[in-house]
């Protein structure tokens, strides 16, 4: 299975998005068993999903990621972290 796709990836550090999933197991949890219709003691598995989303830089406030502005050729970085329109 190919996981890389052609095109532009704008999730650049430090604006990466992190997805965390974890299985949390409590080996001796007291919990309700609907089949037995009573409380039992045994393992309970919980699945945790957590997302941390980063920010994409948009220093010129035009609602377009700065990386895409530069790549499109419409803007240049002036070397001081400021995007200026390409003339």
Protein backbone atom coordinates (compact mmCIF):
# COMPACT_ATOMS: atom_id res chain seq x y z
CA UNK A 1 0.00 0.00 0.00
CA UNK A 2 1.44 3.36 -1.04
CA UNK A 3 1.23 5.90 1.77
CA UNK A 4 2.88 8.85 0.01
CA UNK A 5 0.90 10.83 -2.51
CA UNK A 6 2.06 13.30 -5.13
CA UNK A 7 1.37 16.92 -4.35
CA UNK A 8 2.00 19.38 -1.57
CA UNK A 9 1.93 18.42 2.08
CA UNK A 10 1.35 21.49 4.23
CA UNK A 11 1.67 19.71 7.59
CA UNK A 12 5.21 20.97 8.18
CA UNK A 13 6.85 21.11 11.60
CA UNK A 14 5.91 22.82 13.89
CA UNK A 15 2.44 22.76 12.42
CA UNK A 16 2.10 19.00 12.39
CA UNK A 17 -1.05 17.17 13.39
CA UNK A 18 -0.59 14.26 15.77
CA UNK A 19 -3.11 11.44 16.13
CA UNK A 20 -2.68 9.25 19.19
CA UNK A 21 -4.59 6.03 19.76
CA UNK A 22 -4.09 3.72 22.70
CA UNK A 23 -5.72 0.65 24.18
CA UNK A 24 -5.98 0.96 27.95
CA UNK A 25 -6.52 -2.34 29.78
CA UNK A 26 -7.68 -2.65 33.36
CA UNK A 27 -7.09 -6.37 34.09
CA UNK A 28 -9.29 -6.65 37.20
CA UNK A 29 -12.11 -4.15 36.76
CA UNK A 30 -15.51 -4.71 38.28
CA UNK A 31 -18.02 -4.13 35.47
CA UNK A 32 -21.52 -5.06 34.33
CA UNK A 33 -21.73 -8.07 32.00
CA UNK A 34 -24.96 -7.74 29.97
CA UNK A 35 -24.89 -11.40 28.90
CA UNK A 36 -24.62 -12.70 32.47
CA UNK A 37 -26.77 -9.84 33.79
CA UNK A 38 -24.55 -9.31 36.80
CA UNK A 39 -21.35 -7.59 37.90
CA UNK A 40 -18.17 -9.50 37.16
CA UNK A 41 -14.45 -8.90 37.71
CA UNK A 42 -12.21 -9.15 34.71
CA UNK A 43 -10.38 -7.24 32.01
CA UNK A 44 -11.93 -4.08 30.53
CA UNK A 45 -10.41 -2.50 27.41
CA UNK A 46 -10.92 1.20 26.69
CA UNK A 47 -9.78 2.79 23.44
CA UNK A 48 -8.38 6.30 23.67
CA UNK A 49 -8.33 8.67 20.67
CA UNK A 50 -6.54 12.01 20.99
CA UNK A 51 -5.72 14.59 18.34
CA UNK A 52 -3.27 17.46 18.63
CA UNK A 53 -3.56 19.89 15.74
CA UNK A 54 -0.86 22.37 14.90
CA UNK A 55 -1.07 25.74 13.23
CA UNK A 56 -0.12 26.58 9.69
CA UNK A 57 1.80 29.84 9.36
CA UNK A 58 -0.09 32.63 7.60
CA UNK A 59 1.99 35.70 8.39
CA UNK A 60 0.54 37.83 5.60
CA UNK A 61 -3.03 37.06 6.80
CA UNK A 62 -4.43 36.13 3.38
CA UNK A 63 -5.94 32.83 4.66
CA UNK A 64 -3.44 30.78 2.61
CA UNK A 65 -0.62 28.76 4.17
CA UNK A 66 2.66 30.68 3.68
CA UNK A 67 4.33 27.59 2.20
CA UNK A 68 1.68 27.51 -0.53
CA UNK A 69 2.04 31.28 -1.12
CA UNK A 70 5.78 30.85 -1.74
CA UNK A 71 5.39 27.66 -3.77
CA UNK A 72 2.79 29.30 -6.03
CA UNK A 73 5.28 32.04 -6.90
CA UNK A 74 2.90 34.84 -5.87
CA UNK A 75 4.92 35.76 -2.75
CA UNK A 76 8.56 35.75 -1.70
CA UNK A 77 10.07 35.51 1.76
CA UNK A 78 12.09 38.68 2.36
CA UNK A 79 14.49 36.82 4.66
CA UNK A 80 12.99 38.39 7.78
CA UNK A 81 9.96 36.11 8.01
CA UNK A 82 7.75 38.49 6.05
CA UNK A 83 6.07 37.51 2.80
CA UNK A 84 6.08 40.14 0.09
CA UNK A 85 4.20 40.00 -3.23
CA UNK A 86 6.41 38.88 -6.11
CA UNK A 87 6.75 41.63 -8.72
